[in-house]
Amino acid sequence: MSASSPPIETAVLVIIIGENVLQGRIINLLKDLEVTGYTISQAQGAGRHGNRRGDMVSYNTNFEIKTVVSREVSEDIFSGLVEYQSNHALIAFRQNVEALTGFEII
């Protein structure tokens, strides 16, 4: 890498969409795995658990969390989410990305 090359690292983008009731638990999972950053947004949509319109705060609403981590940490996140799938609307997916971070991806 030359001195002018940006600090780009190979990483995994993990996106989790779920019921608001799960948000605190999933944030705790990320903290337990020492994930250093994430972004949370409110989400609307429809799926096999019905419509999620987000018409009232914390009722019938979803959240979306995005984080960029190593492949190994993404495996740990997915393992930690399995327990919630049987009782809650929840989907998670990941994609290999190149990240301009300025720090090491955990």
C-alpha atoms as a PDB file:
ATOM      1  CA  MET A   1       0.000   0.000   0.000  1.00  0.00           C
ATOM      2  CA  SER A   2       1.397   3.389  -0.940  1.00  0.00           C
ATOM      3  CA  ALA A   3       1.427   6.332   1.441  1.00  0.00           C
ATOM      4  CA  SER A   4      -1.522   7.860  -0.411  1.00  0.00           C
ATOM      5  CA  SER A   5      -3.644   4.687  -0.436  1.00  0.00           C
ATOM      6  CA  PRO A   6      -6.693   4.825   1.821  1.00  0.00           C
ATOM      7  CA  PRO A   7      -6.889   2.347   4.741  1.00  0.00           C
ATOM      8  CA  ILE A   8      -9.330  -0.130   3.173  1.00  0.00           C
ATOM      9  CA  GLU A   9     -10.046  -3.427   4.932  1.00  0.00           C
ATOM     10  CA  THR A  10     -12.048  -6.474   3.949  1.00  0.00           C
ATOM     11  CA  ALA A  11     -14.965  -6.844   6.360  1.00  0.00           C
ATOM     12  CA  VAL A  12     -18.537  -8.100   6.712  1.00  0.00           C
ATOM     13  CA  LEU A  13     -21.599  -5.851   6.812  1.00  0.00           C
ATOM     14  CA  VAL A  14     -24.230  -7.393   9.098  1.00  0.00           C
ATOM     15  CA  ILE A  15     -27.794  -6.096   8.861  1.00  0.00           C
ATOM     16  CA  ILE A  16     -30.368  -7.154  11.448  1.00  0.00           C
ATOM     17  CA  ILE A  17     -34.046  -6.251  11.157  1.00  0.00           C
ATOM     18  CA  GLY A  18     -36.357  -7.156  14.012  1.00  0.00           C
ATOM     19  CA  GLU A  19     -39.157  -6.195  16.357  1.00  0.00           C
ATOM     20  CA  ASN A  20     -38.418  -3.236  18.624  1.00  0.00           C
ATOM     21  CA  VAL A  21     -38.805  -5.480  21.673  1.00  0.00           C
ATOM     22  CA  LEU A  22     -35.504  -7.129  20.675  1.00  0.00           C
ATOM     23  CA  GLN A  23     -33.475  -3.966  20.191  1.00  0.00           C
ATOM     24  CA  GLY A  24     -31.960  -3.811  23.699  1.00  0.00           C
ATOM     25  CA  ARG A  25     -31.100  -7.512  23.695  1.00  0.00           C
ATOM     26  CA  ILE A  26     -29.365  -7.285  20.340  1.00  0.00           C
ATOM     27  CA  ILE A  27     -27.426  -4.180  21.393  1.00  0.00           C
ATOM     28  CA  ASN A  28     -26.285  -6.122  24.479  1.00  0.00           C
ATOM     29  CA  LEU A  29     -25.225  -9.019  22.234  1.00  0.00           C
ATOM     30  CA  LEU A  30     -23.119  -6.644  20.131  1.00  0.00           C
ATOM     31  CA  LYS A  31     -21.562  -5.111  23.240  1.00  0.00           C
ATOM     32  CA  ASP A  32     -20.806  -8.568  24.672  1.00  0.00           C
ATOM     33  CA  LEU A  33     -19.017  -9.391  21.395  1.00  0.00           C
ATOM     34  CA  GLU A  34     -17.060  -6.118  21.709  1.00  0.00           C
ATOM     35  CA  VAL A  35     -18.508  -4.672  18.511  1.00  0.00           C
ATOM     36  CA  THR A  36     -17.204  -1.106  18.455  1.00  0.00           C
ATOM     37  CA  GLY A  37     -19.916   0.544  16.392  1.00  0.00           C
ATOM     38  CA  TYR A  38     -23.347   0.151  14.900  1.00  0.00           C
ATOM     39  CA  THR A  39     -26.119   2.237  13.362  1.00  0.00           C
ATOM     40  CA  ILE A  40     -29.784   1.892  14.328  1.00  0.00           C
ATOM     41  CA  SER A  41     -32.750   3.018  12.229  1.00  0.00           C
ATOM     42  CA  GLN A  42     -36.483   2.517  12.472  1.00  0.00           C
ATOM     43  CA  ALA A  43     -37.797   0.249   9.718  1.00  0.00           C
ATOM     44  CA  GLN A  44     -41.153  -0.343   8.058  1.00  0.00           C
ATOM     45  CA  GLY A  45     -42.196  -3.199   5.820  1.00  0.00           C
ATOM     46  CA  ALA A  46     -44.041  -6.466   5.551  1.00  0.00           C
ATOM     47  CA  GLY A  47     -43.144 -10.127   5.816  1.00  0.00           C
ATOM     48  CA  ARG A  48     -44.374 -13.422   7.113  1.00  0.00           C
ATOM     49  CA  HIS A  49     -45.067 -11.827  10.520  1.00  0.00           C
ATOM     50  CA  GLY A  50     -47.343  -9.200   8.941  1.00  0.00           C
ATOM     51  CA  ASN A  51     -47.038  -5.486   8.287  1.00  0.00           C
ATOM     52  CA  ARG A  52     -44.750  -3.302  10.358  1.00  0.00           C
ATOM     53  CA  ARG A  53     -45.927   0.233   9.756  1.00  0.00           C
ATOM     54  CA  GLY A  54     -44.276   1.985  12.654  1.00  0.00           C
ATOM     55  CA  ASP A  55     -47.455   3.943  13.290  1.00  0.00           C
ATOM     56  CA  MET A  56     -46.941   4.207  17.074  1.00  0.00           C
ATOM     57  CA  VAL A  57     -43.729   4.403  19.039  1.00  0.00           C
ATOM     58  CA  SER A  58     -42.658   0.890  20.092  1.00  0.00           C
ATOM     59  CA  TYR A  59     -45.859  -0.692  18.749  1.00  0.00           C
ATOM     60  CA  ASN A  60     -45.904  -2.606  15.497  1.00  0.00           C
ATOM     61  CA  THR A  61     -42.457  -1.248  14.679  1.00  0.00           C
ATOM     62  CA  ASN A  62     -39.143  -2.699  13.583  1.00  0.00           C
ATOM     63  CA  PHE A  63     -35.578  -1.533  13.899  1.00  0.00           C
ATOM     64  CA  GLU A  64     -32.602  -2.103  11.650  1.00  0.00           C
ATOM     65  CA  ILE A  65     -29.065  -2.389  12.983  1.00  0.00           C
ATOM     66  CA  LYS A  66     -26.047  -2.253  10.691  1.00  0.00           C
ATOM     67  CA  THR A  67     -22.522  -3.041  11.780  1.00  0.00           C
ATOM     68  CA  VAL A  68     -19.230  -3.786  10.038  1.00  0.00           C
ATOM     69  CA  VAL A  69     -17.255  -6.597  11.654  1.00  0.00           C
ATOM     70  CA  SER A  70     -14.893  -9.463  10.909  1.00  0.00           C
ATOM     71  CA  ARG A  71     -16.201 -12.736   9.469  1.00  0.00           C
ATOM     72  CA  GLU A  72     -15.662 -14.437  12.825  1.00  0.00           C
ATOM     73  CA  VAL A  73     -17.682 -11.853  14.745  1.00  0.00           C
ATOM     74  CA  SER A  74     -20.477 -12.076  12.161  1.00  0.00           C
ATOM     75  CA  GLU A  75     -20.675 -15.822  12.896  1.00  0.00           C
ATOM     76  CA  ASP A  76     -20.966 -15.068  16.617  1.00  0.00           C
ATOM     77  CA  ILE A  77     -23.708 -12.491  15.979  1.00  0.00           C
ATOM     78  CA  PHE A  78     -25.711 -14.970  13.905  1.00  0.00           C
ATOM     79  CA  SER A  79     -25.318 -17.647  16.588  1.00  0.00           C
ATOM     80  CA  GLY A  80     -26.561 -15.205  19.216  1.00  0.00           C
ATOM     81  CA  LEU A  81     -29.654 -14.323  17.173  1.00  0.00           C
ATOM     82  CA  VAL A  82     -30.922 -17.880  16.703  1.00  0.00           C
ATOM     83  CA  GLU A  83     -32.724 -17.971  20.065  1.00  0.00           C
ATOM     84  CA  TYR A  84     -34.986 -15.048  19.064  1.00  0.00           C
ATOM     85  CA  GLN A  85     -36.164 -16.374  15.705  1.00  0.00           C
ATOM     86  CA  SER A  86     -38.843 -18.750  16.950  1.00  0.00           C
ATOM     87  CA  ASN A  87     -40.811 -16.103  18.881  1.00  0.00           C
ATOM     88  CA  HIS A  88     -40.108 -12.825  17.086  1.00  0.00           C
ATOM     89  CA  ALA A  89     -40.004 -11.251  13.658  1.00  0.00           C
ATOM     90  CA  LEU A  90     -36.270 -11.191  12.931  1.00  0.00           C
ATOM     91  CA  ILE A  91     -34.045 -11.468   9.882  1.00  0.00           C
ATOM     92  CA  ALA A  92     -30.302 -11.026   9.594  1.00  0.00           C
ATOM     93  CA  PHE A  93     -28.034 -11.083   6.609  1.00  0.00           C
ATOM     94  CA  ARG A  94     -24.442 -10.291   5.802  1.00  0.00           C
ATOM     95  CA  GLN A  95     -22.384  -9.218   2.863  1.00  0.00           C
ATOM     96  CA  ASN A  96     -18.668  -9.066   2.242  1.00  0.00           C
ATOM     97  CA  VAL A  97     -17.558  -5.458   1.899  1.00  0.00           C
ATOM     98  CA  GLU A  98     -14.473  -3.314   1.697  1.00  0.00           C
ATOM     99  CA  ALA A  99     -14.509  -0.709   4.439  1.00  0.00           C
ATOM    100  CA  LEU A 100     -12.700   2.604   4.705  1.00  0.00           C
ATOM    101  CA  THR A 101     -12.419   2.623   8.471  1.00  0.00           C
ATOM    102  CA  GLY A 102      -9.130   4.020   9.725  1.00  0.00           C
ATOM    103  CA  PHE A 103      -9.080   1.298  12.411  1.00  0.00           C
ATOM    104  CA  GLU A 104      -8.869  -2.483  12.654  1.00  0.00           C
ATOM    105  CA  ILE A 105     -12.067  -4.452  12.096  1.00  0.00           C
ATOM    106  CA  ILE A 106     -12.786  -6.811  15.022  1.00  0.00           C
END
